[in-house]
Amino acid sequence: MPPKKKTHEVTLALEAGNAAMVDLGKMLGPTGANMRAVKVEYDEATSKNRGEIIPVIVSVYEDRSHTLVYKTPPTSFLIRKALGIQSGASNPLTQHVGTLSVTQVKEIAERKMPDLNANDMDAAIQIVSGTARSMGVKVSS
């Protein structure tokens, strides 16, 4: 049996455990995928992380079947969650919205490691620190 041919690939950032059908409909409607099946599968797989944003790559095949590949939450979301803030600074050069400790940065880097383009933990920490600086967040040493 030949492999299935992929017709669409869509990346979605949805609320874990409670994906909105409106968001799914906007992005998956044109693909012909079964949106209800995608929602149920996504909600079951991410229910332990409720309240977080978990990106997922939905691959739709010519027979309208699908596969889901889950990613880690965005770095900016994890930083905001660690600080308990709603958004970063509008001008990060002059505004500072909070300070992350080195241990918090390391925890975020460990969680993001599977999706980062880094070979070791030091490089991952540098990536997370750079994202924090771009949001107006200081990293204490």
C-alpha atoms as a PDB file:
ATOM      1  CA  MET A   1       0.000   0.000   0.000  1.00  0.00           C
ATOM      2  CA  PRO A   2       1.552   3.347  -1.038  1.00  0.00           C
ATOM      3  CA  PRO A   3       2.021   6.040   1.604  1.00  0.00           C
ATOM      4  CA  LYS A   4      -0.745   8.606   1.982  1.00  0.00           C
ATOM      5  CA  LYS A   5      -0.203  11.894   0.209  1.00  0.00           C
ATOM      6  CA  LYS A   6      -0.253  14.980   2.435  1.00  0.00           C
ATOM      7  CA  THR A   7      -2.514  17.688   1.027  1.00  0.00           C
ATOM      8  CA  HIS A   8      -2.395  20.328   3.771  1.00  0.00           C
ATOM      9  CA  GLU A   9      -0.285  21.214   6.778  1.00  0.00           C
ATOM     10  CA  VAL A  10      -1.610  23.813   9.223  1.00  0.00           C
ATOM     11  CA  THR A  11       0.027  25.126  12.399  1.00  0.00           C
ATOM     12  CA  LEU A  12      -2.376  26.199  15.135  1.00  0.00           C
ATOM     13  CA  ALA A  13      -1.780  27.743  18.561  1.00  0.00           C
ATOM     14  CA  LEU A  14      -4.734  26.664  20.692  1.00  0.00           C
ATOM     15  CA  GLU A  15      -5.668  26.672  24.358  1.00  0.00           C
ATOM     16  CA  ALA A  16      -4.724  23.329  25.878  1.00  0.00           C
ATOM     17  CA  GLY A  17      -7.638  21.094  26.763  1.00  0.00           C
ATOM     18  CA  ASN A  18     -10.195  23.506  25.341  1.00  0.00           C
ATOM     19  CA  ALA A  19      -9.606  24.200  21.657  1.00  0.00           C
ATOM     20  CA  ALA A  20     -12.085  26.712  20.224  1.00  0.00           C
ATOM     21  CA  MET A  21     -14.126  25.347  17.330  1.00  0.00           C
ATOM     22  CA  VAL A  22     -14.127  28.835  15.769  1.00  0.00           C
ATOM     23  CA  ASP A  23     -10.321  28.818  15.488  1.00  0.00           C
ATOM     24  CA  LEU A  24     -10.335  25.266  14.164  1.00  0.00           C
ATOM     25  CA  GLY A  25     -13.027  26.118  11.627  1.00  0.00           C
ATOM     26  CA  LYS A  26     -11.136  29.112  10.264  1.00  0.00           C
ATOM     27  CA  MET A  27      -7.945  27.167   9.705  1.00  0.00           C
ATOM     28  CA  LEU A  28      -9.142  23.621   8.997  1.00  0.00           C
ATOM     29  CA  GLY A  29     -12.357  24.333   7.089  1.00  0.00           C
ATOM     30  CA  PRO A  30     -10.666  24.637   3.687  1.00  0.00           C
ATOM     31  CA  THR A  31      -8.670  21.432   4.247  1.00  0.00           C
ATOM     32  CA  GLY A  32     -11.687  19.144   4.532  1.00  0.00           C
ATOM     33  CA  ALA A  33     -10.446  17.613   7.777  1.00  0.00           C
ATOM     34  CA  ASN A  34     -12.891  16.403  10.416  1.00  0.00           C
ATOM     35  CA  MET A  35     -12.696  19.364  12.805  1.00  0.00           C
ATOM     36  CA  ARG A  36     -14.579  17.588  15.584  1.00  0.00           C
ATOM     37  CA  ALA A  37     -12.122  14.668  15.514  1.00  0.00           C
ATOM     38  CA  VAL A  38      -9.161  17.084  15.593  1.00  0.00           C
ATOM     39  CA  LYS A  39     -10.678  18.978  18.550  1.00  0.00           C
ATOM     40  CA  VAL A  40     -11.357  15.815  20.552  1.00  0.00           C
ATOM     41  CA  GLU A  41      -7.868  14.409  19.902  1.00  0.00           C
ATOM     42  CA  TYR A  42      -6.189  17.756  20.738  1.00  0.00           C
ATOM     43  CA  ASP A  43      -8.235  18.296  23.911  1.00  0.00           C
ATOM     44  CA  GLU A  44      -7.503  14.783  25.202  1.00  0.00           C
ATOM     45  CA  ALA A  45      -3.777  15.048  24.522  1.00  0.00           C
ATOM     46  CA  THR A  46      -3.390  18.499  26.110  1.00  0.00           C
ATOM     47  CA  SER A  47      -5.859  18.261  29.000  1.00  0.00           C
ATOM     48  CA  LYS A  48      -3.064  18.011  31.592  1.00  0.00           C
ATOM     49  CA  ASN A  49      -1.773  21.458  30.526  1.00  0.00           C
ATOM     50  CA  ARG A  50      -5.047  23.424  30.743  1.00  0.00           C
ATOM     51  CA  GLY A  51      -4.574  27.180  30.612  1.00  0.00           C
ATOM     52  CA  GLU A  52      -1.472  27.000  28.422  1.00  0.00           C
ATOM     53  CA  ILE A  53      -1.130  27.636  24.712  1.00  0.00           C
ATOM     54  CA  ILE A  54       0.067  24.455  22.991  1.00  0.00           C
ATOM     55  CA  PRO A  55       0.897  24.776  19.272  1.00  0.00           C
ATOM     56  CA  VAL A  56       0.056  21.809  17.067  1.00  0.00           C
ATOM     57  CA  ILE A  57       0.865  20.962  13.458  1.00  0.00           C
ATOM     58  CA  VAL A  58      -2.119  19.345  11.758  1.00  0.00           C
ATOM     59  CA  SER A  59      -1.264  17.324   8.649  1.00  0.00           C
ATOM     60  CA  VAL A  60      -4.255  16.458   6.468  1.00  0.00           C
ATOM     61  CA  TYR A  61      -4.011  13.684   3.890  1.00  0.00           C
ATOM     62  CA  GLU A  62      -5.900  13.094   0.657  1.00  0.00           C
ATOM     63  CA  ASP A  63      -8.273  10.614   2.332  1.00  0.00           C
ATOM     64  CA  ARG A  64      -9.094  13.403   4.871  1.00  0.00           C
ATOM     65  CA  SER A  65      -7.373  11.606   7.714  1.00  0.00           C
ATOM     66  CA  HIS A  66      -5.057  13.670   9.897  1.00  0.00           C
ATOM     67  CA  THR A  67      -2.095  13.525  12.236  1.00  0.00           C
ATOM     68  CA  LEU A  68      -1.216  15.929  15.040  1.00  0.00           C
ATOM     69  CA  VAL A  69       2.309  16.892  16.103  1.00  0.00           C
ATOM     70  CA  TYR A  70       2.446  18.805  19.397  1.00  0.00           C
ATOM     71  CA  LYS A  71       4.996  21.518  20.127  1.00  0.00           C
ATOM     72  CA  THR A  72       6.027  23.242  23.352  1.00  0.00           C
ATOM     73  CA  PRO A  73       4.354  26.515  24.369  1.00  0.00           C
ATOM     74  CA  PRO A  74       5.844  29.718  22.941  1.00  0.00           C
ATOM     75  CA  THR A  75       8.794  31.084  24.901  1.00  0.00           C
ATOM     76  CA  SER A  76       7.072  34.437  25.406  1.00  0.00           C
ATOM     77  CA  PHE A  77       4.050  32.653  26.915  1.00  0.00           C
ATOM     78  CA  LEU A  78       6.266  30.741  29.360  1.00  0.00           C
ATOM     79  CA  ILE A  79       8.078  33.945  30.358  1.00  0.00           C
ATOM     80  CA  ARG A  80       4.798  35.806  30.929  1.00  0.00           C
ATOM     81  CA  LYS A  81       3.495  32.844  32.941  1.00  0.00           C
ATOM     82  CA  ALA A  82       6.638  32.751  35.112  1.00  0.00           C
ATOM     83  CA  LEU A  83       6.323  36.471  35.850  1.00  0.00           C
ATOM     84  CA  GLY A  84       2.543  36.541  36.130  1.00  0.00           C
ATOM     85  CA  ILE A  85       2.176  39.365  33.601  1.00  0.00           C
ATOM     86  CA  GLN A  86      -0.186  39.816  30.660  1.00  0.00           C
ATOM     87  CA  SER A  87       2.246  41.242  28.088  1.00  0.00           C
ATOM     88  CA  GLY A  88       5.788  42.381  27.530  1.00  0.00           C
ATOM     89  CA  ALA A  89       7.008  45.962  27.323  1.00  0.00           C
ATOM     90  CA  SER A  90       5.901  48.106  24.411  1.00  0.00           C
ATOM     91  CA  ASN A  91       9.431  49.560  24.280  1.00  0.00           C
ATOM     92  CA  PRO A  92      11.878  47.044  25.782  1.00  0.00           C
ATOM     93  CA  LEU A  93      14.801  49.485  25.593  1.00  0.00           C
ATOM     94  CA  THR A  94      13.236  51.881  28.096  1.00  0.00           C
ATOM     95  CA  GLN A  95      10.596  49.799  29.885  1.00  0.00           C
ATOM     96  CA  HIS A  96      11.138  46.821  32.160  1.00  0.00           C
ATOM     97  CA  VAL A  97       8.183  44.654  33.112  1.00  0.00           C
ATOM     98  CA  GLY A  98       9.902  42.180  35.429  1.00  0.00           C
ATOM     99  CA  THR A  99      12.960  40.149  36.306  1.00  0.00           C
ATOM    100  CA  LEU A 100      13.553  36.431  35.797  1.00  0.00           C
ATOM    101  CA  SER A 101      15.992  34.489  37.922  1.00  0.00           C
ATOM    102  CA  VAL A 102      18.575  32.247  36.305  1.00  0.00           C
ATOM    103  CA  THR A 103      16.742  29.182  37.617  1.00  0.00           C
ATOM    104  CA  GLN A 104      13.482  30.342  35.993  1.00  0.00           C
ATOM    105  CA  VAL A 105      15.283  30.872  32.686  1.00  0.00           C
ATOM    106  CA  LYS A 106      16.842  27.409  32.967  1.00  0.00           C
ATOM    107  CA  GLU A 107      13.430  25.804  33.667  1.00  0.00           C
ATOM    108  CA  ILE A 108      11.945  27.515  30.602  1.00  0.00           C
ATOM    109  CA  ALA A 109      14.935  26.459  28.479  1.00  0.00           C
ATOM    110  CA  GLU A 110      14.590  22.838  29.631  1.00  0.00           C
ATOM    111  CA  ARG A 111      10.919  22.837  28.674  1.00  0.00           C
ATOM    112  CA  LYS A 112      11.606  24.455  25.269  1.00  0.00           C
ATOM    113  CA  MET A 113      14.681  22.350  24.422  1.00  0.00           C
ATOM    114  CA  PRO A 114      12.880  19.912  22.044  1.00  0.00           C
ATOM    115  CA  ASP A 115      11.750  22.788  19.811  1.00  0.00           C
ATOM    116  CA  LEU A 116      14.795  25.058  20.020  1.00  0.00           C
ATOM    117  CA  ASN A 117      17.603  25.195  17.509  1.00  0.00           C
ATOM    118  CA  ALA A 118      20.203  24.624  20.215  1.00  0.00           C
ATOM    119  CA  ASN A 119      22.760  21.875  20.714  1.00  0.00           C
ATOM    120  CA  ASP A 120      23.164  22.249  24.466  1.00  0.00           C
ATOM    121  CA  MET A 121      21.511  23.788  27.502  1.00  0.00           C
ATOM    122  CA  ASP A 122      23.767  26.875  27.520  1.00  0.00           C
ATOM    123  CA  ALA A 123      22.648  27.785  24.000  1.00  0.00           C
ATOM    124  CA  ALA A 124      19.008  27.209  24.961  1.00  0.00           C
ATOM    125  CA  ILE A 125      19.410  29.503  27.981  1.00  0.00           C
ATOM    126  CA  GLN A 126      20.878  32.194  25.715  1.00  0.00           C
ATOM    127  CA  ILE A 127      17.887  31.909  23.354  1.00  0.00           C
ATOM    128  CA  VAL A 128      15.381  32.211  26.210  1.00  0.00           C
ATOM    129  CA  SER A 129      17.337  35.128  27.717  1.00  0.00           C
ATOM    130  CA  GLY A 130      17.273  36.925  24.365  1.00  0.00           C
ATOM    131  CA  THR A 131      13.522  36.483  24.102  1.00  0.00           C
ATOM    132  CA  ALA A 132      13.133  37.812  27.644  1.00  0.00           C
ATOM    133  CA  ARG A 133      15.254  40.891  26.840  1.00  0.00           C
ATOM    134  CA  SER A 134      13.173  41.563  23.724  1.00  0.00           C
ATOM    135  CA  MET A 135      10.078  41.583  25.968  1.00  0.00           C
ATOM    136  CA  GLY A 136      11.576  44.074  28.451  1.00  0.00           C
ATOM    137  CA  VAL A 137      12.359  41.401  31.050  1.00  0.00           C
ATOM    138  CA  LYS A 138      15.677  41.481  32.891  1.00  0.00           C
ATOM    139  CA  VAL A 139      17.536  38.277  33.709  1.00  0.00           C
ATOM    140  CA  SER A 140      19.238  38.401  37.087  1.00  0.00           C
ATOM    141  CA  SER A 141      22.526  36.599  37.504  1.00  0.00           C
END
